[in-house]
Structure formats: C-alpha cells, structure tokens
Amino acid sequence: MEKRVERNIARRIVRAVAPQLGDVGFRQTKPTYVIRPGDIVTPFFHFHKFTFGPYFRIHLGVRVMNDTFVALALNGPSHEHAGEYSEREDDIQHCVRAMATYCRAQGLPWLERWSDREALLADKDTRLHPEDREALSK
C-alpha cells in the first residue's frame, strides 16, 4: 500500500474510533490523541500508527494538569497489536471495531482507576513520574 494512502486511512480510523468514546466524555484533540478533559487529571488514549506498515499501537496515559512537563507522557500500558488494516473497507471497519473494543474493555477501566487523584497519590505502583506526583499533591 502506498504510504500516503496508508496514513490517510490511519487518520480516518482514529477519527472513527474517537466518537465511539464520546459517550464517556472523550474527544479527539489532535490527530493521534483522544482525551477526556479534567480539572486535576486528564486521561487519554494515544493511537500510534507504525511506520513499517498498516498497524496500530494504543497507549494509555493520564496527565496531571498542573504538571510543568510540556507534553503528554505515555505513562500507562500499551496494546501492541491494537489494529491492522488494508485498503478494503471491511478491513478498515474491523480495525475501528477492534480498537474501540480495546479502548472500552481494557483502556477505560485502567484510565478510571488512575483518573482519581487520591488513588494516584496513595498507590505505590502508580506510573506517575515523581514530578507528577509532587504536582498532584499540591
């Protein structure tokens, strides 16, 4: 598949997955990010399209809003084989369904757990960087 076509289909897939998370407050903010805005913690999904082929990885993360780091840190788990597609419409739709299913079944429970300020501060296994924990405790 031509790289330009592959990238365009990948963008289309992410745009199709994002609305399927809208009922729980998520929205697409950048081409590869779907977030649920929060005052203290913002959970997000990052959709990584591999350069070597028509495949996706999904990263999960939480952003402490008063953290001074300039970007979203990919501080959660990832799903390496989140979706694969071709130029065929049924493959594209299958990829959208697979990615949305992962986000809802696996991603949302993890994000819910780590979207609570008290849980993030209390848990020793939190994936937050020390700077994030410090910012969150203020």
Protein backbone atom coordinates (compact mmCIF):
# COMPACT_ATOMS: atom_id res chain seq x y z
CA MET A 1 0.00 0.00 0.00
CA GLU A 2 1.27 3.45 -0.84
CA LYS A 3 2.43 5.32 2.31
CA ARG A 4 0.22 8.35 1.66
CA VAL A 5 -2.86 6.13 1.34
CA GLU A 6 -1.84 4.21 4.46
CA ARG A 7 -1.53 7.43 6.51
CA ASN A 8 -4.86 8.77 5.24
CA ILE A 9 -6.65 5.57 6.18
CA ALA A 10 -4.96 5.63 9.61
CA ARG A 11 -6.28 9.16 10.22
CA ARG A 12 -9.72 8.07 9.13
CA ILE A 13 -9.62 5.14 11.56
CA VAL A 14 -8.69 7.34 14.54
CA ARG A 15 -11.43 9.81 13.57
CA ALA A 16 -13.89 6.89 13.55
CA VAL A 17 -12.78 5.50 16.93
CA ALA A 18 -12.95 8.84 18.77
CA PRO A 19 -16.76 9.31 18.57
CA GLN A 20 -17.23 5.80 19.94
CA LEU A 21 -15.74 7.09 23.19
CA GLY A 22 -17.78 10.29 23.21
CA ASP A 23 -20.48 8.93 25.50
CA VAL A 24 -17.89 8.68 28.29
CA GLY A 25 -16.54 12.20 27.72
CA PHE A 26 -13.62 11.60 25.35
CA ARG A 27 -12.92 13.67 22.25
CA GLN A 28 -10.21 13.85 19.65
CA THR A 29 -7.95 16.85 20.21
CA LYS A 30 -5.00 16.08 17.94
CA PRO A 31 -4.68 13.63 15.05
CA THR A 32 -3.48 10.83 17.33
CA TYR A 33 -4.92 11.78 20.74
CA VAL A 34 -8.34 11.23 22.26
CA ILE A 35 -8.73 12.80 25.71
CA ARG A 36 -11.30 13.39 28.42
CA PRO A 37 -10.60 16.88 29.76
CA GLY A 38 -10.36 17.10 33.54
CA ASP A 39 -9.55 19.77 36.08
CA ILE A 40 -6.96 17.76 38.01
CA VAL A 41 -6.20 14.69 35.86
CA THR A 42 -6.87 14.21 32.14
CA PRO A 43 -6.97 10.61 30.89
CA PHE A 44 -6.06 9.96 27.26
CA PHE A 45 -5.55 7.42 24.51
CA HIS A 46 -2.70 7.83 22.03
CA PHE A 47 -3.01 5.97 18.74
CA HIS A 48 0.40 5.20 17.29
CA LYS A 49 0.49 4.16 13.64
CA PHE A 50 3.63 2.16 12.98
CA THR A 51 5.86 3.40 10.16
CA PHE A 52 6.65 -0.10 8.93
CA GLY A 53 3.09 -1.00 8.00
CA PRO A 54 -0.65 -0.52 8.47
CA TYR A 55 -0.67 -1.37 12.17
CA PHE A 56 -1.59 0.48 15.37
CA ARG A 57 -0.44 0.52 18.97
CA ILE A 58 -2.63 2.17 21.60
CA HIS A 59 -1.01 3.90 24.57
CA LEU A 60 -2.92 4.88 27.71
CA GLY A 61 -1.97 7.73 29.96
CA VAL A 62 -3.04 10.29 32.49
CA ARG A 63 -1.94 13.90 32.52
CA VAL A 64 -1.66 15.77 35.81
CA MET A 65 -2.93 19.17 34.76
CA ASN A 66 -0.65 21.26 36.97
CA ASP A 67 2.46 19.32 35.92
CA THR A 68 5.11 21.52 34.29
CA PHE A 69 6.14 18.94 31.67
CA VAL A 70 5.30 20.36 28.23
CA ALA A 71 3.83 17.20 26.66
CA LEU A 72 1.60 14.27 27.46
CA ALA A 73 3.68 11.47 28.97
CA LEU A 74 2.84 7.97 27.78
CA ASN A 75 2.76 6.72 31.36
CA GLY A 76 0.32 3.85 31.03
CA PRO A 77 0.18 0.44 29.43
CA SER A 78 0.09 -0.08 25.69
CA HIS A 79 -1.54 -2.58 23.40
CA GLU A 80 0.95 -3.53 20.69
CA HIS A 81 -1.42 -5.17 18.21
CA ALA A 82 -4.39 -2.86 18.50
CA GLY A 83 -5.39 -2.85 14.87
CA GLU A 84 -4.36 -3.77 11.37
CA TYR A 85 -5.93 -2.56 8.16
CA SER A 86 -5.75 -2.59 4.38
CA GLU A 87 -7.43 -0.50 1.71
CA ARG A 88 -10.50 -2.72 1.87
CA GLU A 89 -13.46 -1.10 3.61
CA ASP A 90 -14.31 -4.19 5.68
CA ASP A 91 -10.70 -4.32 6.98
CA ILE A 92 -10.88 -0.63 7.90
CA GLN A 93 -14.16 -1.16 9.77
CA HIS A 94 -12.77 -4.25 11.50
CA CYS A 95 -9.78 -2.18 12.68
CA VAL A 96 -12.09 0.57 14.01
CA ARG A 97 -14.17 -2.00 15.91
CA ALA A 98 -11.09 -3.76 17.34
CA MET A 99 -9.55 -0.51 18.54
CA ALA A 100 -12.80 0.81 20.02
CA THR A 101 -13.39 -2.52 21.77
CA TYR A 102 -9.92 -2.45 23.32
CA CYS A 103 -10.38 1.16 24.45
CA ARG A 104 -13.70 0.41 26.11
CA ALA A 105 -12.93 -3.04 27.56
CA GLN A 106 -9.30 -2.58 28.65
CA GLY A 107 -8.48 1.10 28.43
CA LEU A 108 -11.41 2.69 30.23
CA PRO A 109 -11.10 0.60 33.42
CA TRP A 110 -7.38 1.43 33.66
CA LEU A 111 -7.99 5.12 32.97
CA GLU A 112 -10.82 5.27 35.50
CA ARG A 113 -8.60 3.78 38.17
CA TRP A 114 -5.82 6.28 37.54
CA SER A 115 -8.03 9.33 37.00
CA ASP A 116 -8.73 9.61 40.72
CA ARG A 117 -6.35 11.99 42.49
CA GLU A 118 -6.40 10.08 45.78
CA ALA A 119 -5.75 6.74 44.08
CA LEU A 120 -2.78 8.18 42.21
CA LEU A 121 -1.26 9.61 45.38
CA ALA A 122 -1.91 6.54 47.55
CA ASP A 123 -0.82 3.74 45.23
CA LYS A 124 2.84 2.76 45.31
CA ASP A 125 2.54 1.19 41.83
CA THR A 126 1.41 4.39 40.13
CA ARG A 127 3.10 5.08 36.82
CA LEU A 128 3.39 8.78 37.52
CA HIS A 129 6.81 10.37 37.45
CA PRO A 130 7.91 11.87 40.78
CA GLU A 131 7.36 15.37 39.36
CA ASP A 132 3.76 14.44 38.50
CA ARG A 133 3.13 13.09 42.00
CA GLU A 134 4.53 16.27 43.50
CA ALA A 135 2.36 18.47 41.27
CA LEU A 136 -0.70 16.35 42.07
CA SER A 137 -0.14 16.65 45.82
CA LYS A 138 -0.36 20.47 45.70
